[in-house]
N, C-alpha and C. Protein backbone atom coordinates (compact mmCIF):
# COMPACT_ATOMS: atom_id res chain seq x y z
N MET A 1 -13.18 23.92 -12.64
CA MET A 1 -12.53 22.75 -13.44
C MET A 1 -10.84 23.17 -13.28
N ARG A 2 -10.58 24.37 -13.27
CA ARG A 2 -9.09 24.56 -12.98
C ARG A 2 -8.22 23.83 -12.05
N HIS A 3 -8.96 23.93 -10.76
CA HIS A 3 -8.52 23.20 -9.42
C HIS A 3 -8.46 22.17 -9.66
N LEU A 4 -9.29 21.26 -10.48
CA LEU A 4 -9.35 19.72 -10.37
C LEU A 4 -7.99 19.61 -10.96
N LEU A 5 -7.95 20.22 -12.27
CA LEU A 5 -6.62 20.04 -13.13
C LEU A 5 -5.39 20.10 -12.52
N SER A 6 -5.25 21.15 -11.70
CA SER A 6 -4.22 21.32 -10.64
C SER A 6 -4.05 20.04 -9.77
N TRP A 7 -5.07 19.54 -9.09
CA TRP A 7 -5.05 18.63 -8.37
C TRP A 7 -4.33 17.24 -8.88
N TRP A 8 -4.89 17.21 -10.45
CA TRP A 8 -4.91 15.99 -11.20
C TRP A 8 -3.23 15.90 -11.19
N VAL A 9 -2.69 17.05 -11.92
CA VAL A 9 -1.13 17.36 -12.39
C VAL A 9 -0.26 17.07 -10.96
N MET A 10 -0.87 17.36 -9.82
CA MET A 10 0.04 17.36 -8.67
C MET A 10 0.09 15.47 -8.36
N GLN A 11 -1.25 14.76 -8.54
CA GLN A 11 -1.14 13.15 -8.27
C GLN A 11 -0.01 12.59 -9.30
N LYS A 12 -0.04 13.02 -10.52
CA LYS A 12 0.91 12.79 -11.26
C LYS A 12 2.70 12.85 -10.99
N HIS A 13 2.63 13.79 -10.22
CA HIS A 13 4.06 14.47 -9.89
C HIS A 13 4.76 13.54 -9.08
N HIS A 14 5.83 12.92 -9.66
CA HIS A 14 6.52 11.80 -8.29
C HIS A 14 7.83 12.38 -8.32
N THR A 15 8.45 12.18 -7.00
CA THR A 15 9.71 12.58 -6.62
C THR A 15 10.83 11.96 -7.40
N ALA A 16 11.89 12.40 -7.79
CA ALA A 16 13.08 11.64 -8.63
C ALA A 16 13.93 11.01 -7.63
N PRO A 17 14.22 9.99 -7.77
CA PRO A 17 15.32 9.42 -6.94
C PRO A 17 16.34 10.33 -6.45
N SER A 18 16.72 10.88 -7.40
CA SER A 18 17.94 12.28 -7.19
C SER A 18 17.78 12.84 -5.87
N SER A 19 16.53 13.23 -5.97
CA SER A 19 15.84 13.91 -4.38
C SER A 19 16.11 13.43 -3.25
N TYR A 20 16.69 12.23 -3.05
CA TYR A 20 17.45 11.51 -2.08
C TYR A 20 18.44 11.39 -1.91
N HIS A 21 19.03 11.73 -0.34
CA HIS A 21 20.63 11.58 -0.19
C HIS A 21 20.49 10.24 1.13
N PHE A 22 21.91 10.08 1.04
CA PHE A 22 22.08 8.94 1.94
C PHE A 22 23.32 9.64 3.06
N LYS A 23 23.03 8.94 4.06
CA LYS A 23 24.03 9.66 5.20
C LYS A 23 24.06 7.93 6.47
N ARG A 24 25.26 7.90 6.83
CA ARG A 24 25.63 7.11 7.76
C ARG A 24 25.60 7.69 9.20
N GLY A 25 24.85 6.88 9.90
CA GLY A 25 24.17 7.65 11.36
C GLY A 25 25.59 7.75 12.38
N LYS A 26 26.14 6.58 12.17
CA LYS A 26 27.18 6.15 13.02
C LYS A 26 28.56 5.73 12.25
N PRO A 27 29.56 5.66 12.43
CA PRO A 27 30.65 5.09 11.77
C PRO A 27 30.27 3.32 11.95
N ASP A 28 30.34 2.38 10.97
CA ASP A 28 30.07 1.24 10.65
C ASP A 28 28.59 0.98 11.15
N GLY A 29 27.76 1.99 11.14
CA GLY A 29 26.26 1.69 11.21
C GLY A 29 25.46 1.92 10.11
N LEU A 30 24.22 2.16 10.15
CA LEU A 30 23.12 1.66 9.31
C LEU A 30 23.12 3.11 8.37
N ILE A 31 23.01 2.82 6.89
CA ILE A 31 23.04 4.13 6.43
C ILE A 31 21.60 4.67 6.20
N LEU A 32 21.46 5.56 5.99
CA LEU A 32 19.93 6.10 6.23
C LEU A 32 19.91 6.60 4.84
N VAL A 33 18.46 6.26 4.13
CA VAL A 33 18.26 7.12 2.93
C VAL A 33 16.93 8.14 3.27
N LEU A 34 17.25 9.31 3.19
CA LEU A 34 16.77 10.53 3.39
C LEU A 34 16.16 11.29 2.32
N ASN A 35 14.54 11.60 2.29
CA ASN A 35 14.10 12.68 1.10
C ASN A 35 14.65 14.12 1.16
N GLU A 36 14.19 14.57 0.47
CA GLU A 36 14.66 16.15 0.17
C GLU A 36 14.24 16.87 1.60
N GLY A 37 13.03 16.65 2.25
CA GLY A 37 12.80 17.02 3.69
C GLY A 37 13.52 16.44 4.83
N SER A 38 14.36 15.37 4.40
CA SER A 38 15.40 14.81 5.64
C SER A 38 14.50 14.03 6.50
N TYR A 39 13.35 13.46 5.88
CA TYR A 39 12.71 12.31 6.54
C TYR A 39 13.36 11.07 6.19
N VAL A 40 13.69 10.22 7.21
CA VAL A 40 14.17 8.66 7.20
C VAL A 40 13.01 7.99 6.33
N MET A 41 13.61 7.63 5.19
CA MET A 41 12.80 6.97 4.52
C MET A 41 13.10 5.02 4.39
N ALA A 42 14.16 5.01 4.88
CA ALA A 42 14.79 3.63 4.69
C ALA A 42 16.11 3.29 5.55
N GLU A 43 16.38 2.47 5.91
CA GLU A 43 17.84 2.20 6.55
C GLU A 43 18.54 0.96 5.77
N TYR A 44 19.43 1.06 5.43
CA TYR A 44 20.29 0.13 4.58
C TYR A 44 21.54 -0.34 5.50
N SER A 45 21.61 -1.86 5.62
CA SER A 45 22.58 -2.46 6.44
C SER A 45 23.73 -3.24 5.64
N GLU A 46 24.96 -2.36 5.46
CA GLU A 46 26.02 -3.09 4.49
C GLU A 46 26.39 -4.53 4.94
N ARG A 47 26.25 -5.12 6.58
CA ARG A 47 26.63 -6.31 6.74
C ARG A 47 25.56 -7.45 5.96
N THR A 48 24.19 -6.78 6.00
CA THR A 48 23.32 -8.00 5.40
C THR A 48 22.86 -7.52 3.97
N GLY A 49 22.86 -6.40 3.48
CA GLY A 49 22.47 -5.77 2.08
C GLY A 49 21.12 -5.32 2.12
N GLU A 50 20.54 -5.50 3.34
CA GLU A 50 19.18 -5.49 3.55
C GLU A 50 18.63 -4.09 3.59
N VAL A 51 17.18 -3.57 3.13
CA VAL A 51 16.76 -2.33 2.96
C VAL A 51 15.63 -2.63 3.91
N LYS A 52 15.48 -1.94 4.82
CA LYS A 52 14.24 -1.75 5.53
C LYS A 52 13.66 -0.23 5.56
N TRP A 53 12.41 -0.49 4.70
CA TRP A 53 11.79 0.99 4.24
C TRP A 53 10.95 1.25 5.24
N GLN A 54 10.97 2.51 5.82
CA GLN A 54 9.96 3.09 7.05
C GLN A 54 8.67 3.78 6.41
N ARG A 55 9.23 4.35 5.26
CA ARG A 55 7.92 5.36 4.45
C ARG A 55 7.40 4.37 3.09
N VAL A 56 6.38 4.57 2.60
CA VAL A 56 6.06 4.38 1.45
C VAL A 56 6.75 5.18 0.02
N VAL A 57 7.28 4.31 -0.68
CA VAL A 57 7.91 5.03 -2.03
C VAL A 57 7.59 4.05 -3.18
N LEU A 58 7.43 4.71 -4.30
CA LEU A 58 7.21 4.18 -5.54
C LEU A 58 8.14 2.94 -5.51
N ALA A 59 7.54 1.63 -6.24
CA ALA A 59 8.42 0.54 -6.50
C ALA A 59 9.64 0.76 -7.69
N THR A 60 9.67 1.75 -8.51
CA THR A 60 10.37 1.98 -9.49
C THR A 60 11.51 2.58 -8.62
N GLN A 61 11.35 3.72 -7.89
CA GLN A 61 12.44 4.59 -6.91
C GLN A 61 12.99 3.59 -6.09
N LYS A 62 12.05 2.50 -5.26
CA LYS A 62 13.09 1.76 -4.47
C LYS A 62 14.05 0.95 -5.25
N GLU A 63 13.70 0.45 -6.34
CA GLU A 63 14.69 -0.33 -6.97
C GLU A 63 15.82 0.46 -7.40
N LYS A 64 15.63 1.50 -7.91
CA LYS A 64 16.60 2.48 -7.93
C LYS A 64 17.69 2.85 -7.10
N ILE A 65 16.97 2.93 -5.82
CA ILE A 65 17.86 3.08 -4.84
C ILE A 65 18.66 1.98 -4.13
N GLU A 66 17.71 0.85 -4.05
CA GLU A 66 18.40 -0.23 -3.71
C GLU A 66 19.48 -0.52 -4.58
N ARG A 67 19.69 -0.55 -5.86
CA ARG A 67 20.70 -0.64 -6.73
C ARG A 67 21.69 0.05 -6.36
N TRP A 68 21.69 1.58 -6.29
CA TRP A 68 22.38 2.57 -6.00
C TRP A 68 23.20 2.16 -4.83
N LEU A 69 22.42 1.88 -3.65
CA LEU A 69 22.89 1.41 -2.34
C LEU A 69 24.04 0.12 -2.47
N GLY A 70 23.49 -0.80 -3.33
CA GLY A 70 24.39 -2.06 -3.44
C GLY A 70 25.75 -1.79 -4.33
N GLU A 71 25.61 -0.60 -5.25
CA GLU A 71 26.89 -0.29 -5.78
C GLU A 71 27.87 0.66 -4.96
N HIS A 72 27.21 1.41 -4.39
CA HIS A 72 28.25 2.13 -3.56
C HIS A 72 28.34 1.73 -2.09
N TYR A 73 27.74 0.82 -1.66
CA TYR A 73 27.83 0.20 -0.43
C TYR A 73 27.78 -1.18 -0.22
N PRO A 74 28.56 -2.02 -0.98
CA PRO A 74 28.63 -3.57 -1.12
C PRO A 74 28.48 -3.90 0.11
N VAL A 75 28.04 -5.42 0.21
CA VAL A 75 27.63 -6.28 1.40
C VAL A 75 29.42 -6.71 1.92
N GLN A 76 29.47 -6.10 3.16
CA GLN A 76 30.87 -6.30 3.88
C GLN A 76 30.58 -7.89 4.38
N ARG A 77 30.60 -8.57 3.81
CA ARG A 77 30.79 -10.17 4.36
C ARG A 77 31.92 -10.58 5.09
N ALA A 78 32.75 -10.34 4.35
CA ALA A 78 34.50 -10.92 5.24
C ALA A 78 34.21 -9.88 6.69
N ALA A 79 33.75 -8.41 6.51
CA ALA A 79 33.96 -7.95 7.83
C ALA A 79 32.96 -8.70 9.04
N ALA A 80 31.81 -9.06 8.42
CA ALA A 80 30.93 -9.63 9.27
C ALA A 80 31.39 -10.90 9.85
N ALA A 81 31.96 -11.67 8.98
CA ALA A 81 32.39 -13.09 9.21
C ALA A 81 33.50 -13.08 10.33
N ARG A 82 34.16 -11.96 10.34
CA ARG A 82 35.35 -11.85 11.51
C ARG A 82 35.22 -11.62 13.00
N THR A 83 33.58 -10.98 12.86
CA THR A 83 33.04 -10.49 14.32
C THR A 83 32.42 -11.52 14.84
């Protein structure tokens, strides 16, 4: 019974969005969303504002991460229009 309880507790544990970090692969390139194990979870484009998810993430975490990306890396439409 104790092992079953431990398993149930682990199933309820979710990684907090604060355990993600963000890194630009190349200058003017995509911004990578990495988890605490440095796995690429998503790629964000400043040109389009689009987030392409590579791995499964809770919807609530996706919303928080996408909002954070939009606030810290706003879409650069003027730069995209000039090119």
